[in-house]
C-alpha atoms as a PDB file:
ATOM      1  CA  MET A   1      82.452 289.510 109.943  1.00  0.00           C
ATOM      2  CA  ASP A   2      80.143 292.488 109.417  1.00  0.00           C
ATOM      3  CA  ARG A   3      77.700 292.013 106.590  1.00  0.00           C
ATOM      4  CA  LEU A   4      77.529 294.588 103.850  1.00  0.00           C
ATOM      5  CA  PRO A   5      74.135 296.329 103.726  1.00  0.00           C
ATOM      6  CA  PHE A   6      71.615 295.484 101.026  1.00  0.00           C
ATOM      7  CA  ALA A   7      71.014 298.116  98.388  1.00  0.00           C
ATOM      8  CA  ALA A   8      67.781 300.028  98.685  1.00  0.00           C
ATOM      9  CA  THR A   9      65.054 298.484  96.542  1.00  0.00           C
ATOM     10  CA  PRO A  10      62.201 300.920  95.862  1.00  0.00           C
ATOM     11  CA  LEU A  11      59.468 298.270  95.694  1.00  0.00           C
ATOM     12  CA  SER A  12      60.708 295.892  98.377  1.00  0.00           C
ATOM     13  CA  ALA A  13      58.062 297.067 100.874  1.00  0.00           C
ATOM     14  CA  ALA A  14      55.437 295.495  98.613  1.00  0.00           C
ATOM     15  CA  TYR A  15      57.095 292.151  99.340  1.00  0.00           C
ATOM     16  CA  ASP A  16      57.102 292.454 103.140  1.00  0.00           C
ATOM     17  CA  GLY A  17      54.224 290.002 103.516  1.00  0.00           C
ATOM     18  CA  ILE A  18      55.633 287.381 101.160  1.00  0.00           C
ATOM     19  CA  THR A  19      57.318 284.315 102.578  1.00  0.00           C
ATOM     20  CA  ARG A  20      60.766 284.219 101.033  1.00  0.00           C
ATOM     21  CA  LEU A  21      62.447 281.109  99.708  1.00  0.00           C
ATOM     22  CA  PRO A  22      65.503 280.691 101.986  1.00  0.00           C
ATOM     23  CA  VAL A  23      67.888 280.852  99.032  1.00  0.00           C
ATOM     24  CA  THR A  24      70.475 283.482  98.198  1.00  0.00           C
ATOM     25  CA  VAL A  25      72.144 283.657  94.783  1.00  0.00           C
ATOM     26  CA  LEU A  26      75.792 284.697  94.505  1.00  0.00           C
ATOM     27  CA  LEU A  27      76.938 285.704  91.004  1.00  0.00           C
ATOM     28  CA  ASP A  28      80.735 285.491  90.872  1.00  0.00           C
ATOM     29  CA  ASN A  29      82.146 287.426  87.914  1.00  0.00           C
ATOM     30  CA  VAL A  30      79.037 286.951  85.791  1.00  0.00           C
ATOM     31  CA  ARG A  31      79.818 289.242  82.891  1.00  0.00           C
ATOM     32  CA  SER A  32      76.549 289.653  80.977  1.00  0.00           C
ATOM     33  CA  MET A  33      74.222 292.306  82.330  1.00  0.00           C
ATOM     34  CA  TYR A  34      71.353 290.536  80.547  1.00  0.00           C
ATOM     35  CA  ASN A  35      72.129 287.347  82.469  1.00  0.00           C
ATOM     36  CA  ILE A  36      72.220 289.349  85.702  1.00  0.00           C
ATOM     37  CA  GLY A  37      68.837 290.866  84.846  1.00  0.00           C
ATOM     38  CA  SER A  38      67.480 287.418  84.144  1.00  0.00           C
ATOM     39  CA  PHE A  39      68.675 286.232  87.565  1.00  0.00           C
ATOM     40  CA  PHE A  40      66.833 289.151  89.179  1.00  0.00           C
ATOM     41  CA  ARG A  41      63.640 288.215  87.380  1.00  0.00           C
ATOM     42  CA  THR A  42      63.898 284.544  88.335  1.00  0.00           C
ATOM     43  CA  ALA A  43      64.824 285.408  91.938  1.00  0.00           C
ATOM     44  CA  ASP A  44      61.714 287.582  92.137  1.00  0.00           C
ATOM     45  CA  ALA A  45      59.546 284.841  90.617  1.00  0.00           C
ATOM     46  CA  CYS A  46      60.766 282.344  93.237  1.00  0.00           C
ATOM     47  CA  ALA A  47      60.764 284.937  96.055  1.00  0.00           C
ATOM     48  CA  ALA A  48      64.444 284.243  96.741  1.00  0.00           C
ATOM     49  CA  GLU A  49      66.031 286.066  99.684  1.00  0.00           C
ATOM     50  CA  ALA A  50      68.612 288.102  97.766  1.00  0.00           C
ATOM     51  CA  ILE A  51      71.174 288.344  95.003  1.00  0.00           C
ATOM     52  CA  LEU A  52      74.847 288.872  95.822  1.00  0.00           C
ATOM     53  CA  LEU A  53      77.001 290.350  93.058  1.00  0.00           C
ATOM     54  CA  ALA A  54      80.797 290.035  93.038  1.00  0.00           C
ATOM     55  CA  GLY A  55      83.852 290.791  90.939  1.00  0.00           C
ATOM     56  CA  ILE A  56      83.108 292.038  87.433  1.00  0.00           C
ATOM     57  CA  ALA A  57      79.366 291.517  87.871  1.00  0.00           C
ATOM     58  CA  SER A  58      77.505 294.729  87.250  1.00  0.00           C
ATOM     59  CA  THR A  59      74.817 296.133  89.529  1.00  0.00           C
ATOM     60  CA  PRO A  60      71.443 297.799  88.942  1.00  0.00           C
ATOM     61  CA  GLU A  61      73.037 301.093  90.063  1.00  0.00           C
ATOM     62  CA  ARG A  62      75.934 300.955  87.582  1.00  0.00           C
ATOM     63  CA  ASN A  63      74.027 299.661  84.553  1.00  0.00           C
ATOM     64  CA  PRO A  64      70.325 300.186  85.177  1.00  0.00           C
ATOM     65  CA  LYS A  65      69.125 300.079  81.557  1.00  0.00           C
ATOM     66  CA  GLN A  66      70.951 296.897  80.567  1.00  0.00           C
ATOM     67  CA  ILE A  67      69.934 294.965  83.681  1.00  0.00           C
ATOM     68  CA  ALA A  68      66.360 296.300  83.550  1.00  0.00           C
ATOM     69  CA  LYS A  69      65.979 295.039  79.968  1.00  0.00           C
ATOM     70  CA  THR A  70      65.696 291.445  81.210  1.00  0.00           C
ATOM     71  CA  ALA A  71      64.850 292.041  84.895  1.00  0.00           C
ATOM     72  CA  LEU A  72      61.664 293.921  83.965  1.00  0.00           C
ATOM     73  CA  GLY A  73      61.425 295.621  87.350  1.00  0.00           C
ATOM     74  CA  ALA A  74      62.682 292.752  89.497  1.00  0.00           C
ATOM     75  CA  GLU A  75      65.885 294.695  90.095  1.00  0.00           C
ATOM     76  CA  LEU A  76      63.663 297.007  92.156  1.00  0.00           C
ATOM     77  CA  THR A  77      62.166 294.233  94.304  1.00  0.00           C
ATOM     78  CA  VAL A  78      64.937 291.727  95.030  1.00  0.00           C
ATOM     79  CA  PRO A  79      67.385 292.783  97.747  1.00  0.00           C
ATOM     80  CA  TRP A  80      70.985 292.777  96.538  1.00  0.00           C
ATOM     81  CA  ARG A  81      74.483 293.734  97.564  1.00  0.00           C
ATOM     82  CA  TYR A  82      77.844 293.979  95.832  1.00  0.00           C
ATOM     83  CA  ALA A  83      81.439 293.334  96.878  1.00  0.00           C
ATOM     84  CA  ALA A  84      84.556 293.017  94.760  1.00  0.00           C
ATOM     85  CA  ASN A  85      85.577 289.890  96.687  1.00  0.00           C
ATOM     86  CA  PRO A  86      82.857 287.201  96.700  1.00  0.00           C
ATOM     87  CA  LEU A  87      84.196 285.734  99.942  1.00  0.00           C
ATOM     88  CA  ASP A  88      83.048 288.927 101.681  1.00  0.00           C
ATOM     89  CA  LEU A  89      79.457 288.127 100.673  1.00  0.00           C
ATOM     90  CA  LEU A  90      79.109 284.539 101.884  1.00  0.00           C
ATOM     91  CA  PRO A  91      76.258 284.320 104.377  1.00  0.00           C
ATOM     92  CA  GLU A  92      76.837 282.647 107.735  1.00  0.00           C
ATOM     93  CA  ASN A  93      74.895 279.604 108.958  1.00  0.00           C
ATOM     94  CA  THR A  94      73.996 278.764 105.369  1.00  0.00           C
ATOM     95  CA  GLU A  95      74.827 275.798 103.150  1.00  0.00           C
ATOM     96  CA  ILE A  96      77.095 277.044 100.364  1.00  0.00           C
ATOM     97  CA  ALA A  97      76.506 275.274  97.046  1.00  0.00           C
ATOM     98  CA  ALA A  98      78.756 275.804  94.023  1.00  0.00           C
ATOM     99  CA  ILE A  99      76.749 275.141  90.880  1.00  0.00           C
ATOM    100  CA  GLU A 100      79.512 273.720  88.777  1.00  0.00           C
ATOM    101  CA  THR A 101      80.544 270.448  87.202  1.00  0.00           C
ATOM    102  CA  THR A 102      83.479 269.148  89.227  1.00  0.00           C
ATOM    103  CA  PRO A 103      84.595 265.602  90.084  1.00  0.00           C
ATOM    104  CA  ARG A 104      82.915 265.859  93.498  1.00  0.00           C
ATOM    105  CA  ALA A 105      79.643 267.373  92.232  1.00  0.00           C
ATOM    106  CA  VAL A 106      76.328 265.707  93.011  1.00  0.00           C
ATOM    107  CA  ASP A 107      73.433 265.686  90.582  1.00  0.00           C
ATOM    108  CA  LEU A 108      70.943 268.538  91.157  1.00  0.00           C
ATOM    109  CA  PHE A 109      68.054 266.080  91.450  1.00  0.00           C
ATOM    110  CA  ASP A 110      69.889 263.929  94.019  1.00  0.00           C
ATOM    111  CA  TRP A 111      71.057 266.873  96.161  1.00  0.00           C
ATOM    112  CA  GLN A 112      69.261 267.283  99.469  1.00  0.00           C
ATOM    113  CA  PRO A 113      69.882 270.936 100.377  1.00  0.00           C
ATOM    114  CA  ARG A 114      70.024 272.122 103.976  1.00  0.00           C
ATOM    115  CA  PHE A 115      68.073 275.374 103.964  1.00  0.00           C
ATOM    116  CA  PRO A 116      69.010 278.185 104.048  1.00  0.00           C
ATOM    117  CA  VAL A 117      71.190 277.798 100.958  1.00  0.00           C
ATOM    118  CA  CYS A 118      73.470 280.124  99.015  1.00  0.00           C
ATOM    119  CA  VAL A 119      73.921 278.964  95.416  1.00  0.00           C
ATOM    120  CA  ILE A 120      76.976 280.243  93.564  1.00  0.00           C
ATOM    121  CA  PHE A 121      77.124 280.706  89.812  1.00  0.00           C
ATOM    122  CA  GLY A 122      80.341 281.713  88.101  1.00  0.00           C
ATOM    123  CA  HIS A 123      81.744 283.328  85.008  1.00  0.00           C
ATOM    124  CA  GLU A 124      80.236 281.957  81.808  1.00  0.00           C
ATOM    125  CA  VAL A 125      83.624 280.638  80.587  1.00  0.00           C
ATOM    126  CA  ASP A 126      85.916 280.432  83.625  1.00  0.00           C
ATOM    127  CA  GLY A 127      83.407 279.234  86.227  1.00  0.00           C
ATOM    128  CA  ILE A 128      83.671 279.960  89.940  1.00  0.00           C
ATOM    129  CA  GLN A 129      86.924 281.309  91.377  1.00  0.00           C
ATOM    130  CA  PRO A 130      88.984 278.538  93.044  1.00  0.00           C
ATOM    131  CA  ALA A 131      88.989 280.163  96.505  1.00  0.00           C
ATOM    132  CA  LEU A 132      85.211 280.455  96.419  1.00  0.00           C
ATOM    133  CA  SER A 133      84.779 276.941  95.078  1.00  0.00           C
ATOM    134  CA  ALA A 134      86.921 275.632  97.955  1.00  0.00           C
ATOM    135  CA  ARG A 135      84.577 277.280 100.486  1.00  0.00           C
ATOM    136  CA  ALA A 136      81.531 275.467  99.127  1.00  0.00           C
ATOM    137  CA  ASP A 137      79.944 272.786 101.295  1.00  0.00           C
ATOM    138  CA  VAL A 138      78.726 270.999  98.188  1.00  0.00           C
ATOM    139  CA  HIS A 139      79.224 271.143  94.432  1.00  0.00           C
ATOM    140  CA  VAL A 140      76.097 270.573  92.366  1.00  0.00           C
ATOM    141  CA  ARG A 141      75.884 269.780  88.661  1.00  0.00           C
ATOM    142  CA  LEU A 142      72.961 269.874  86.298  1.00  0.00           C
ATOM    143  CA  PRO A 143      72.498 266.618  84.399  1.00  0.00           C
ATOM    144  CA  MET A 144      73.671 267.142  80.812  1.00  0.00           C
ATOM    145  CA  LEU A 145      72.483 264.323  78.561  1.00  0.00           C
ATOM    146  CA  GLY A 146      73.119 265.814  75.133  1.00  0.00           C
ATOM    147  CA  VAL A 147      76.258 266.627  73.196  1.00  0.00           C
ATOM    148  CA  LYS A 148      76.761 270.056  74.779  1.00  0.00           C
ATOM    149  CA  HIS A 149      77.971 270.031  78.363  1.00  0.00           C
ATOM    150  CA  SER A 150      76.905 273.478  79.514  1.00  0.00           C
ATOM    151  CA  LEU A 151      73.962 275.848  79.620  1.00  0.00           C
ATOM    152  CA  ASN A 152      73.659 279.611  79.654  1.00  0.00           C
ATOM    153  CA  VAL A 153      74.270 280.685  83.261  1.00  0.00           C
ATOM    154  CA  ALA A 154      70.874 282.362  83.615  1.00  0.00           C
ATOM    155  CA  THR A 155      69.125 279.282  82.219  1.00  0.00           C
ATOM    156  CA  ALA A 156      71.013 277.103  84.701  1.00  0.00           C
ATOM    157  CA  GLY A 157      70.009 279.543  87.438  1.00  0.00           C
ATOM    158  CA  GLY A 158      66.331 279.193  86.581  1.00  0.00           C
ATOM    159  CA  ILE A 159      66.541 275.410  86.713  1.00  0.00           C
ATOM    160  CA  VAL A 160      68.360 275.423  90.062  1.00  0.00           C
ATOM    161  CA  LEU A 161      66.081 278.003  91.696  1.00  0.00           C
ATOM    162  CA  TYR A 162      62.915 276.210  90.684  1.00  0.00           C
ATOM    163  CA  GLU A 163      64.295 272.855  91.822  1.00  0.00           C
ATOM    164  CA  LEU A 164      65.107 274.467  95.192  1.00  0.00           C
ATOM    165  CA  LEU A 165      61.593 275.930  95.334  1.00  0.00           C
ATOM    166  CA  ARG A 166      60.135 272.466  94.632  1.00  0.00           C
ATOM    167  CA  LYS A 167      62.284 270.838  97.324  1.00  0.00           C
ATOM    168  CA  TYR A 168      61.532 273.561  99.873  1.00  0.00           C
ATOM    169  CA  ARG A 169      57.764 273.300  99.277  1.00  0.00           C
ATOM    170  CA  GLN A 170      57.950 269.525  99.858  1.00  0.00           C
ATOM    171  CA  LEU A 171      59.899 270.138 103.061  1.00  0.00           C
ATOM    172  CA  ILE A 172      57.415 272.586 104.599  1.00  0.00           C
ATOM    173  CA  ARG A 173      54.251 270.643 103.707  1.00  0.00           C
END
């Protein structure tokens, strides 16, 4: 399958010398532009490979002010692409990890990722689309010890990306 091109990012040349974390983030129907902006900022902080936006997820081109409010310029540095169908965005030769609480999900801290990894986050209420969830190699859940059993999607994204950064740094030492 031909890959869709990444959107032009005006500041990406400044990142040419940076070693990227071999992690791609796919946002499936993430509704809030502020959450999307937050993902861009966290992806930049971790030097993630790219952000993939699908379904109702907005893009920096369609809603630059709203996404920029929380991205603070990271929308200009992190490569990204958009497709209506998230299945069209799945990278090849990559472990696909659905970040979602399902009966088969493993705990984030027990998961041993096989880099490169594509982590999928879904709609804040409905989660990941069933067809996309079925394509995942692994389902990963965040441990939830309190009364509430969910986190804001961007908060969950920050936890997952930094845990992947920690695990990758241990691997390459």
